[in-house]
Structure formats: structure tokens, C-alpha cells
Amino acid sequence: MIPPIDVSDLVGRPGASKEHRVESPIEGLGTELARVRDDMPVEGHLLVEALVEGILVSGTLGAKLALRCARCLEEFERPFSVTVHELFVPQPEPDGDDYRLDPDGSLELEQMVRDAIGVELPFSPLCRPDCQGLCPVCGGDRNRGECPGHAEIDPRWAALEQLEPVLDEN
């Protein structure tokens, strides 16, 4: 969990700013094929700026992703980074994109970080661009040569294999 940032010294002082370092694990953020590692922190440097409207948080966040290839199901890891540029306001609109600035002058960054990383997670990660995937017949990993190769017959013609040859007596 990311601890809140105290920005009470910035509230009501447009133009004032400070830097903040994020280094905290995020639990349970991911999909079946891509997730942020729970045992490693999300890290980043953020610039926190006071504006007339509220507090602007911008910077870059990075994490290590645990991924599973969508073609061959091989597990692998990759670094990941995302740029954030979000506004925290005292009274956010219910359907708006802004985050809430607590009346005590603190920012809860957890939801912002989850939103920023969550929408950027790869939907269909590949271990490498030329991944050949698993064989649909035997299930062997084609990247490792586990599939001996099969004669693939177009399913529209498969019924013809059931016919016995007819000899022409002429």
C-alpha cells in the first residue's frame, strides 16, 4: 500500500511544488496473463505541483511485470513504466477523471497508481514477437520443437477421409 502524501504546505499556494519518491508494493494488480509482482515495489519520481484548481501529480512509475505468453503460456518478466499526469481536487465531479484531495491536505495515491498501471497492462503478452505457440493437435511447444509436425487437413475436407476408394473396372 502506498502511504498518503502530505501536501498541506502546497494547498492554496499556486506555483509551489515538491518532489516525491514512490517505492511501495501494490498487491493484486493484474490479469490472468499480466500482473505486477507483489514482492517488488512500484517505483517512481513524482512532481507534486499546486495549481489554482488543486494539486497536479506528474511523473513516471515503473514496476516489474510477471507475464504469461498468450501463445505458448511460458512465464517471463519484463520491466514496465507508465507516465502519470493527474489532478487532485477538493470536490471532483462524480463522472470526472480527477481524484479527490482530502480536506486535511493529503493525497491518496494508491487508486491513481492502480488506474495508471492497470489500463496499460498488456492484454495479450508475447514472450517474443515470433513465438510459434502451442500445437493445437498435440499441445507441444513449437518454440522448443516439442511438436513433431502434423498433417493439417482443412476441416471442410475432413469428411472425405472417411470414404473408401472406389476402383474403376473399365
N, C-alpha and C. Protein backbone atom coordinates (compact mmCIF):
# COMPACT_ATOMS: atom_id res chain seq x y z
N MET A 1 0.84 -1.19 0.00
CA MET A 1 0.00 0.00 0.00
C MET A 1 0.88 1.25 0.00
N ILE A 2 0.50 2.21 -0.81
CA ILE A 2 1.26 3.45 -0.92
C ILE A 2 0.78 4.42 0.15
N PRO A 3 1.70 4.91 0.98
CA PRO A 3 1.28 5.86 2.01
C PRO A 3 0.85 7.19 1.39
N PRO A 4 -0.07 7.90 2.04
CA PRO A 4 -0.51 9.20 1.51
C PRO A 4 0.62 10.23 1.56
N ILE A 5 0.51 11.25 0.71
CA ILE A 5 1.47 12.35 0.67
C ILE A 5 0.83 13.55 1.37
N ASP A 6 1.56 14.18 2.26
CA ASP A 6 1.09 15.40 2.91
C ASP A 6 1.41 16.58 1.99
N VAL A 7 0.36 17.24 1.51
CA VAL A 7 0.54 18.39 0.62
C VAL A 7 -0.08 19.64 1.24
N SER A 8 -0.30 19.63 2.55
CA SER A 8 -0.92 20.78 3.21
C SER A 8 -0.09 22.04 3.02
N ASP A 9 1.23 21.90 2.86
CA ASP A 9 2.09 23.05 2.63
C ASP A 9 1.97 23.62 1.21
N LEU A 10 1.33 22.86 0.29
CA LEU A 10 1.15 23.32 -1.09
C LEU A 10 -0.24 23.88 -1.36
N VAL A 11 -1.23 23.44 -0.60
CA VAL A 11 -2.62 23.82 -0.84
C VAL A 11 -2.76 25.34 -0.69
N GLY A 12 -3.38 25.97 -1.70
CA GLY A 12 -3.60 27.41 -1.67
C GLY A 12 -2.38 28.23 -2.04
N ARG A 13 -1.33 27.57 -2.54
CA ARG A 13 -0.11 28.28 -2.94
C ARG A 13 0.23 27.91 -4.39
N PRO A 14 -0.57 28.37 -5.36
CA PRO A 14 -0.29 28.03 -6.76
C PRO A 14 1.15 28.37 -7.15
N GLY A 15 1.78 27.44 -7.85
CA GLY A 15 3.16 27.61 -8.27
C GLY A 15 4.14 26.87 -7.38
N ALA A 16 3.73 26.56 -6.15
CA ALA A 16 4.61 25.82 -5.24
C ALA A 16 4.64 24.36 -5.67
N SER A 17 5.78 23.71 -5.44
CA SER A 17 5.89 22.30 -5.82
C SER A 17 6.90 21.59 -4.94
N LYS A 18 6.86 20.28 -5.01
CA LYS A 18 7.86 19.46 -4.34
C LYS A 18 7.92 18.12 -5.06
N GLU A 19 9.02 17.43 -4.86
CA GLU A 19 9.18 16.12 -5.47
C GLU A 19 8.86 15.05 -4.43
N HIS A 20 8.38 13.92 -4.93
CA HIS A 20 8.03 12.81 -4.04
C HIS A 20 8.48 11.51 -4.70
N ARG A 21 9.08 10.66 -3.92
CA ARG A 21 9.52 9.35 -4.42
C ARG A 21 8.52 8.30 -3.96
N VAL A 22 8.09 7.45 -4.90
CA VAL A 22 7.20 6.33 -4.60
C VAL A 22 8.03 5.06 -4.64
N GLU A 23 7.89 4.24 -3.62
CA GLU A 23 8.56 2.95 -3.58
C GLU A 23 7.76 2.05 -2.65
N SER A 24 6.77 1.38 -3.23
CA SER A 24 5.87 0.58 -2.42
C SER A 24 5.27 -0.54 -3.26
N PRO A 25 5.09 -1.72 -2.67
CA PRO A 25 4.44 -2.80 -3.44
C PRO A 25 2.95 -2.54 -3.60
N ILE A 26 2.40 -3.05 -4.69
CA ILE A 26 0.97 -2.98 -4.96
C ILE A 26 0.48 -4.42 -5.09
N GLU A 27 -0.44 -4.81 -4.24
CA GLU A 27 -0.91 -6.20 -4.26
C GLU A 27 -2.15 -6.35 -5.13
N GLY A 28 -2.22 -7.48 -5.82
CA GLY A 28 -3.42 -7.87 -6.55
C GLY A 28 -3.72 -7.06 -7.79
N LEU A 29 -2.73 -6.47 -8.41
CA LEU A 29 -2.95 -5.67 -9.60
C LEU A 29 -2.53 -6.48 -10.82
N GLY A 30 -3.50 -6.92 -11.60
CA GLY A 30 -3.16 -7.67 -12.80
C GLY A 30 -4.33 -8.43 -13.38
N THR A 31 -4.01 -9.17 -14.42
CA THR A 31 -4.97 -10.02 -15.11
C THR A 31 -4.42 -11.45 -15.08
N GLU A 32 -5.07 -12.33 -15.79
CA GLU A 32 -4.62 -13.72 -15.83
C GLU A 32 -3.25 -13.86 -16.49
N LEU A 33 -2.96 -13.01 -17.47
CA LEU A 33 -1.71 -13.12 -18.22
C LEU A 33 -0.66 -12.07 -17.85
N ALA A 34 -1.04 -11.03 -17.14
CA ALA A 34 -0.09 -9.96 -16.80
C ALA A 34 -0.43 -9.41 -15.42
N ARG A 35 0.58 -9.38 -14.54
CA ARG A 35 0.35 -8.82 -13.20
C ARG A 35 1.62 -8.16 -12.69
N VAL A 36 1.41 -7.16 -11.85
CA VAL A 36 2.53 -6.50 -11.19
C VAL A 36 2.99 -7.43 -10.08
N ARG A 37 4.29 -7.66 -10.00
CA ARG A 37 4.82 -8.56 -8.97
C ARG A 37 4.54 -7.98 -7.59
N ASP A 38 3.96 -8.81 -6.72
CA ASP A 38 3.62 -8.39 -5.36
C ASP A 38 4.85 -8.21 -4.48
N ASP A 39 5.91 -8.94 -4.80
CA ASP A 39 7.10 -8.94 -3.94
C ASP A 39 8.12 -7.85 -4.31
N MET A 40 7.82 -7.05 -5.33
CA MET A 40 8.73 -5.98 -5.73
C MET A 40 7.95 -4.67 -5.74
N PRO A 41 8.60 -3.57 -5.37
CA PRO A 41 7.86 -2.31 -5.29
C PRO A 41 7.62 -1.65 -6.65
N VAL A 42 6.54 -0.87 -6.70
CA VAL A 42 6.34 0.07 -7.78
C VAL A 42 7.18 1.28 -7.39
N GLU A 43 7.99 1.75 -8.31
CA GLU A 43 8.90 2.86 -8.01
C GLU A 43 8.65 4.00 -8.98
N GLY A 44 8.93 5.20 -8.50
CA GLY A 44 8.81 6.35 -9.38
C GLY A 44 9.13 7.66 -8.69
N HIS A 45 9.36 8.65 -9.52
CA HIS A 45 9.58 10.02 -9.06
C HIS A 45 8.41 10.86 -9.54
N LEU A 46 7.78 11.55 -8.62
CA LEU A 46 6.62 12.36 -8.95
C LEU A 46 6.90 13.82 -8.62
N LEU A 47 6.39 14.71 -9.44
CA LEU A 47 6.41 16.13 -9.16
C LEU A 47 5.00 16.50 -8.71
N VAL A 48 4.89 17.07 -7.53
CA VAL A 48 3.60 17.45 -6.96
C VAL A 48 3.55 18.98 -6.99
N GLU A 49 2.61 19.52 -7.79
CA GLU A 49 2.53 20.97 -8.00
C GLU A 49 1.17 21.51 -7.57
N ALA A 50 1.20 22.67 -6.93
CA ALA A 50 -0.04 23.34 -6.54
C ALA A 50 -0.54 24.19 -7.70
N LEU A 51 -1.81 24.03 -8.01
CA LEU A 51 -2.48 24.83 -9.04
C LEU A 51 -3.67 25.53 -8.38
N VAL A 52 -4.29 26.46 -9.08
CA VAL A 52 -5.48 27.11 -8.56
C VAL A 52 -6.58 26.07 -8.34
N GLU A 53 -6.70 25.10 -9.27
CA GLU A 53 -7.76 24.09 -9.21
C GLU A 53 -7.52 23.02 -8.15
N GLY A 54 -6.26 22.75 -7.83
CA GLY A 54 -5.93 21.68 -6.89
C GLY A 54 -4.46 21.35 -6.94
N ILE A 55 -4.16 20.04 -6.89
CA ILE A 55 -2.78 19.57 -6.89
C ILE A 55 -2.57 18.67 -8.10
N LEU A 56 -1.54 18.97 -8.89
CA LEU A 56 -1.21 18.18 -10.07
C LEU A 56 -0.05 17.26 -9.72
N VAL A 57 -0.24 15.97 -10.02
CA VAL A 57 0.80 14.96 -9.79
C VAL A 57 1.23 14.43 -11.15
N SER A 58 2.52 14.55 -11.44
CA SER A 58 3.03 14.05 -12.72
C SER A 58 4.37 13.37 -12.51
N GLY A 59 4.68 12.46 -13.40
CA GLY A 59 5.94 11.74 -13.31
C GLY A 59 5.84 10.38 -13.97
N THR A 60 6.78 9.53 -13.64
CA THR A 60 6.84 8.19 -14.22
C THR A 60 6.88 7.16 -13.12
N LEU A 61 6.12 6.09 -13.30
CA LEU A 61 6.09 4.96 -12.37
C LEU A 61 6.59 3.73 -13.11
N GLY A 62 7.34 2.90 -12.42
CA GLY A 62 7.84 1.68 -13.02
C GLY A 62 7.65 0.49 -12.11
N ALA A 63 7.55 -0.67 -12.71
CA ALA A 63 7.35 -1.90 -11.95
C ALA A 63 7.89 -3.07 -12.76
N LYS A 64 7.98 -4.20 -12.13
CA LYS A 64 8.37 -5.45 -12.80
C LYS A 64 7.08 -6.25 -12.98
N LEU A 65 6.81 -6.65 -14.22
CA LEU A 65 5.62 -7.43 -14.52
C LEU A 65 5.95 -8.90 -14.64
N ALA A 66 5.10 -9.73 -14.06
CA ALA A 66 5.15 -11.17 -14.26
C ALA A 66 4.12 -11.48 -15.34
N LEU A 67 4.58 -12.03 -16.45
CA LEU A 67 3.71 -12.24 -17.62
C LEU A 67 3.66 -13.71 -18.00
N ARG A 68 2.59 -14.07 -18.71
CA ARG A 68 2.46 -15.40 -19.29
C ARG A 68 2.12 -15.19 -20.76
N CYS A 69 2.92 -15.80 -21.63
CA CYS A 69 2.74 -15.65 -23.06
C CYS A 69 1.36 -16.15 -23.49
N ALA A 70 0.67 -15.34 -24.28
CA ALA A 70 -0.67 -15.70 -24.74
C ALA A 70 -0.65 -16.84 -25.76
N ARG A 71 0.51 -17.13 -26.37
CA ARG A 71 0.60 -18.20 -27.37
C ARG A 71 1.14 -19.52 -26.82
N CYS A 72 2.21 -19.44 -26.02
CA CYS A 72 2.84 -20.69 -25.56
C CYS A 72 2.73 -20.90 -24.05
N LEU A 73 2.17 -19.93 -23.32
CA LEU A 73 1.96 -19.99 -21.88
C LEU A 73 3.25 -19.99 -21.06
N GLU A 74 4.37 -19.66 -21.68
CA GLU A 74 5.65 -19.54 -20.99
C GLU A 74 5.60 -18.33 -20.07
N GLU A 75 6.10 -18.48 -18.84
CA GLU A 75 6.14 -17.36 -17.90
C GLU A 75 7.45 -16.59 -18.08
N PHE A 76 7.36 -15.27 -18.02
CA PHE A 76 8.53 -14.41 -18.17
C PHE A 76 8.26 -13.09 -17.45
N GLU A 77 9.30 -12.29 -17.31
CA GLU A 77 9.18 -10.99 -16.65
C GLU A 77 9.70 -9.90 -17.57
N ARG A 78 9.16 -8.70 -17.38
CA ARG A 78 9.62 -7.54 -18.12
C ARG A 78 9.45 -6.30 -17.24
N PRO A 79 10.35 -5.35 -17.39
CA PRO A 79 10.13 -4.07 -16.71
C PRO A 79 9.02 -3.31 -17.43
N PHE A 80 8.41 -2.39 -16.72
CA PHE A 80 7.26 -1.67 -17.23
C PHE A 80 7.29 -0.26 -16.66
N SER A 81 6.96 0.72 -17.47
CA SER A 81 6.85 2.08 -16.94
C SER A 81 5.66 2.77 -17.58
N VAL A 82 5.11 3.72 -16.84
CA VAL A 82 3.95 4.47 -17.30
C VAL A 82 4.09 5.90 -16.80
N THR A 83 3.66 6.85 -17.63
CA THR A 83 3.69 8.26 -17.26
C THR A 83 2.34 8.65 -16.69
N VAL A 84 2.36 9.39 -15.59
CA VAL A 84 1.12 9.86 -14.98
C VAL A 84 1.09 11.39 -15.03
N HIS A 85 -0.11 11.90 -15.13
CA HIS A 85 -0.35 13.35 -15.16
C HIS A 85 -1.78 13.54 -14.67
N GLU A 86 -1.97 13.58 -13.36
CA GLU A 86 -3.31 13.55 -12.78
C GLU A 86 -3.54 14.72 -11.83
N LEU A 87 -4.80 15.18 -11.80
CA LEU A 87 -5.19 16.31 -10.97
C LEU A 87 -6.00 15.83 -9.77
N PHE A 88 -5.65 16.31 -8.61
CA PHE A 88 -6.39 16.06 -7.37
C PHE A 88 -7.10 17.36 -6.99
N VAL A 89 -8.42 17.28 -6.81
CA VAL A 89 -9.21 18.49 -6.49
C VAL A 89 -10.05 18.23 -5.24
N PRO A 90 -10.44 19.33 -4.54
CA PRO A 90 -11.25 19.14 -3.32
C PRO A 90 -12.62 18.51 -3.58
N GLN A 91 -13.28 18.89 -4.67
CA GLN A 91 -14.60 18.36 -4.99
C GLN A 91 -14.62 17.82 -6.42
N PRO A 92 -14.16 16.58 -6.63
CA PRO A 92 -14.17 16.04 -8.01
C PRO A 92 -15.60 15.77 -8.49
N GLU A 93 -15.78 15.93 -9.78
CA GLU A 93 -17.07 15.61 -10.40
C GLU A 93 -17.31 14.11 -10.31
N PRO A 94 -18.54 13.66 -10.08
CA PRO A 94 -18.80 12.21 -9.97
C PRO A 94 -18.39 11.42 -11.21
N ASP A 95 -18.57 12.00 -12.38
CA ASP A 95 -18.21 11.30 -13.63
C ASP A 95 -16.89 11.80 -14.21
N GLY A 96 -16.16 12.61 -13.45
CA GLY A 96 -14.92 13.20 -13.95
C GLY A 96 -13.73 12.27 -13.77
N ASP A 97 -12.59 12.73 -14.28
CA ASP A 97 -11.36 11.95 -14.22
C ASP A 97 -10.44 12.38 -13.07
N ASP A 98 -10.82 13.44 -12.36
CA ASP A 98 -9.98 13.94 -11.28
C ASP A 98 -10.10 13.07 -10.04
N TYR A 99 -9.05 13.13 -9.22
CA TYR A 99 -9.02 12.39 -7.95
C TYR A 99 -9.30 13.36 -6.81
N ARG A 100 -9.67 12.82 -5.67
CA ARG A 100 -10.06 13.63 -4.52
C ARG A 100 -8.85 14.05 -3.71
N LEU A 101 -8.81 15.33 -3.39
CA LEU A 101 -7.82 15.89 -2.48
C LEU A 101 -8.47 15.92 -1.11
N ASP A 102 -7.92 15.19 -0.15
CA ASP A 102 -8.51 15.14 1.19
C ASP A 102 -8.50 16.52 1.84
N PRO A 103 -9.54 16.83 2.62
CA PRO A 103 -9.60 18.14 3.28
C PRO A 103 -8.42 18.40 4.23
N ASP A 104 -7.81 17.34 4.75
CA ASP A 104 -6.67 17.52 5.65
C ASP A 104 -5.37 17.83 4.90
N GLY A 105 -5.43 17.89 3.56
CA GLY A 105 -4.25 18.22 2.77
C GLY A 105 -3.37 17.04 2.45
N SER A 106 -3.97 15.88 2.22
CA SER A 106 -3.18 14.71 1.84
C SER A 106 -3.72 14.09 0.56
N LEU A 107 -2.83 13.43 -0.15
CA LEU A 107 -3.19 12.74 -1.40
C LEU A 107 -3.07 11.24 -1.20
N GLU A 108 -4.11 10.53 -1.54
CA GLU A 108 -4.08 9.07 -1.55
C GLU A 108 -3.71 8.65 -2.97
N LEU A 109 -2.50 8.15 -3.15
CA LEU A 109 -2.00 7.83 -4.49
C LEU A 109 -2.35 6.42 -4.97
N GLU A 110 -2.78 5.56 -4.06
CA GLU A 110 -2.99 4.15 -4.41
C GLU A 110 -3.91 3.97 -5.62
N GLN A 111 -5.08 4.62 -5.63
CA GLN A 111 -6.02 4.44 -6.74
C GLN A 111 -5.47 5.01 -8.03
N MET A 112 -4.78 6.14 -7.96
CA MET A 112 -4.18 6.72 -9.16
C MET A 112 -3.16 5.76 -9.76
N VAL A 113 -2.32 5.17 -8.93
CA VAL A 113 -1.30 4.24 -9.40
C VAL A 113 -1.96 3.00 -10.01
N ARG A 114 -2.97 2.46 -9.34
CA ARG A 114 -3.69 1.29 -9.86
C ARG A 114 -4.33 1.59 -11.22
N ASP A 115 -4.96 2.76 -11.32
CA ASP A 115 -5.61 3.14 -12.59
C ASP A 115 -4.58 3.31 -13.70
N ALA A 116 -3.49 4.00 -13.40
CA ALA A 116 -2.48 4.27 -14.43
C ALA A 116 -1.83 2.99 -14.94
N ILE A 117 -1.48 2.10 -14.04
CA ILE A 117 -0.82 0.85 -14.44
C ILE A 117 -1.83 -0.14 -15.01
N GLY A 118 -3.00 -0.23 -14.41
CA GLY A 118 -4.00 -1.21 -14.83
C GLY A 118 -4.42 -1.08 -16.28
N VAL A 119 -4.62 0.15 -16.75
CA VAL A 119 -5.06 0.33 -18.14
C VAL A 119 -3.94 0.10 -19.14
N GLU A 120 -2.70 0.08 -18.68
CA GLU A 120 -1.56 -0.11 -19.58
C GLU A 120 -1.03 -1.55 -19.58
N LEU A 121 -1.60 -2.44 -18.76
CA LEU A 121 -1.13 -3.82 -18.75
C LEU A 121 -1.38 -4.46 -20.12
N PRO A 122 -0.43 -5.23 -20.62
CA PRO A 122 -0.65 -5.85 -21.93
C PRO A 122 -1.79 -6.87 -21.88
N PHE A 123 -2.66 -6.79 -22.88
CA PHE A 123 -3.82 -7.68 -22.95
C PHE A 123 -3.41 -9.08 -23.40
N SER A 124 -2.47 -9.15 -24.32
CA SER A 124 -2.04 -10.42 -24.90
C SER A 124 -0.52 -10.43 -25.01
N PRO A 125 0.18 -10.59 -23.88
CA PRO A 125 1.65 -10.51 -23.92
C PRO A 125 2.26 -11.69 -24.67
N LEU A 126 3.37 -11.41 -25.35
CA LEU A 126 4.11 -12.45 -26.07
C LEU A 126 5.52 -12.53 -25.51
N CYS A 127 6.02 -13.75 -25.35
CA CYS A 127 7.38 -13.94 -24.83
C CYS A 127 8.41 -13.40 -25.83
N ARG A 128 8.07 -13.45 -27.10
CA ARG A 128 8.90 -12.86 -28.16
C ARG A 128 7.98 -12.68 -29.39
N PRO A 129 8.32 -11.75 -30.25
CA PRO A 129 7.42 -11.46 -31.39
C PRO A 129 7.18 -12.64 -32.32
N ASP A 130 8.15 -13.55 -32.46
CA ASP A 130 7.99 -14.67 -33.37
C ASP A 130 7.58 -15.96 -32.66
N CYS A 131 6.94 -15.85 -31.50
CA CYS A 131 6.51 -17.04 -30.75
C CYS A 131 5.57 -17.87 -31.62
N GLN A 132 5.86 -19.17 -31.71
CA GLN A 132 5.06 -20.08 -32.54
C GLN A 132 3.90 -20.69 -31.78
N GLY A 133 3.90 -20.60 -30.45
CA GLY A 133 2.78 -21.08 -29.66
C GLY A 133 2.74 -22.59 -29.49
N LEU A 134 1.60 -23.05 -29.00
CA LEU A 134 1.38 -24.47 -28.76
C LEU A 134 0.68 -25.11 -29.96
N CYS A 135 1.01 -26.36 -30.22
CA CYS A 135 0.36 -27.10 -31.31
C CYS A 135 -1.08 -27.40 -30.91
N PRO A 136 -2.04 -27.11 -31.76
CA PRO A 136 -3.44 -27.39 -31.43
C PRO A 136 -3.78 -28.88 -31.46
N VAL A 137 -2.90 -29.70 -32.05
CA VAL A 137 -3.16 -31.13 -32.14
C VAL A 137 -2.59 -31.87 -30.92
N CYS A 138 -1.28 -31.70 -30.67
CA CYS A 138 -0.65 -32.46 -29.59
C CYS A 138 -0.34 -31.63 -28.35
N GLY A 139 -0.44 -30.28 -28.43
CA GLY A 139 -0.16 -29.43 -27.29
C GLY A 139 1.30 -29.15 -27.05
N GLY A 140 2.18 -29.63 -27.91
CA GLY A 140 3.62 -29.40 -27.76
C GLY A 140 3.99 -27.94 -28.04
N ASP A 141 5.02 -27.49 -27.35
CA ASP A 141 5.51 -26.12 -27.54
C ASP A 141 6.34 -26.09 -28.82
N ARG A 142 5.85 -25.40 -29.82
CA ARG A 142 6.55 -25.35 -31.11
C ARG A 142 7.88 -24.61 -31.01
N ASN A 143 8.03 -23.70 -30.05
CA ASN A 143 9.29 -22.98 -29.87
C ASN A 143 10.40 -23.92 -29.43
N ARG A 144 10.06 -24.95 -28.71
CA ARG A 144 11.05 -25.91 -28.19
C ARG A 144 11.18 -27.15 -29.05
N GLY A 145 10.43 -27.21 -30.12
CA GLY A 145 10.48 -28.37 -31.00
C GLY A 145 9.76 -29.58 -30.43
N GLU A 146 8.81 -29.36 -29.52
CA GLU A 146 8.09 -30.47 -28.89
C GLU A 146 6.99 -31.04 -29.78
N CYS A 147 6.68 -30.39 -30.87
CA CYS A 147 5.65 -30.88 -31.79
C CYS A 147 6.34 -31.52 -32.99
N PRO A 148 6.05 -32.79 -33.28
CA PRO A 148 6.70 -33.45 -34.40
C PRO A 148 6.20 -32.97 -35.76
N GLY A 149 5.13 -32.24 -35.77
CA GLY A 149 4.53 -31.79 -37.03
C GLY A 149 3.40 -32.73 -37.40
N HIS A 150 2.33 -32.18 -37.80
CA HIS A 150 1.14 -32.97 -38.15
C HIS A 150 0.62 -32.49 -39.49
N ALA A 151 0.09 -33.42 -40.24
CA ALA A 151 -0.54 -33.04 -41.49
C ALA A 151 -1.87 -32.39 -41.13
N GLU A 152 -1.98 -31.13 -41.42
CA GLU A 152 -3.21 -30.42 -41.09
C GLU A 152 -4.13 -30.47 -42.30
N ILE A 153 -5.33 -30.93 -42.06
CA ILE A 153 -6.32 -31.06 -43.12
C ILE A 153 -7.40 -30.01 -42.88
N ASP A 154 -7.76 -29.34 -43.94
CA ASP A 154 -8.82 -28.35 -43.85
C ASP A 154 -10.08 -29.07 -43.35
N PRO A 155 -10.71 -28.62 -42.28
CA PRO A 155 -11.88 -29.32 -41.73
C PRO A 155 -13.03 -29.48 -42.72
N ARG A 156 -13.08 -28.64 -43.72
CA ARG A 156 -14.15 -28.76 -44.73
C ARG A 156 -13.97 -30.00 -45.59
N TRP A 157 -12.72 -30.53 -45.66
CA TRP A 157 -12.44 -31.70 -46.48
C TRP A 157 -12.27 -32.96 -45.64
N ALA A 158 -12.34 -32.85 -44.33
CA ALA A 158 -12.07 -33.98 -43.44
C ALA A 158 -13.02 -35.15 -43.68
N ALA A 159 -14.25 -34.90 -44.05
CA ALA A 159 -15.21 -35.99 -44.28
C ALA A 159 -14.79 -36.89 -45.44
N LEU A 160 -14.01 -36.37 -46.35
CA LEU A 160 -13.57 -37.18 -47.49
C LEU A 160 -12.61 -38.30 -47.08
N GLU A 161 -11.94 -38.14 -45.95
CA GLU A 161 -11.04 -39.19 -45.47
C GLU A 161 -11.80 -40.47 -45.10
N GLN A 162 -13.05 -40.35 -44.80
CA GLN A 162 -13.86 -41.50 -44.40
C GLN A 162 -14.31 -42.34 -45.60
N LEU A 163 -14.22 -41.80 -46.79
CA LEU A 163 -14.63 -42.53 -47.99
C LEU A 163 -13.58 -43.56 -48.37
N GLU A 164 -14.06 -44.70 -48.80
CA GLU A 164 -13.14 -45.74 -49.26
C GLU A 164 -12.95 -45.56 -50.77
N PRO A 165 -11.76 -45.85 -51.21
CA PRO A 165 -11.52 -45.67 -52.65
C PRO A 165 -12.39 -46.63 -53.46
N VAL A 166 -12.86 -46.16 -54.57
CA VAL A 166 -13.67 -46.97 -55.49
C VAL A 166 -12.82 -47.24 -56.71
N LEU A 167 -12.70 -48.53 -57.04
CA LEU A 167 -11.90 -48.90 -58.21
C LEU A 167 -12.78 -48.84 -59.46
N ASP A 168 -12.24 -48.29 -60.46
CA ASP A 168 -12.96 -48.21 -61.72
C ASP A 168 -12.66 -49.49 -62.49
N GLU A 169 -13.68 -50.24 -62.90
CA GLU A 169 -13.49 -51.53 -63.55
C GLU A 169 -13.32 -51.40 -65.05
N ASN A 170 -13.29 -50.28 -65.58
CA ASN A 170 -13.12 -50.11 -67.03
C ASN A 170 -11.73 -50.29 -67.44
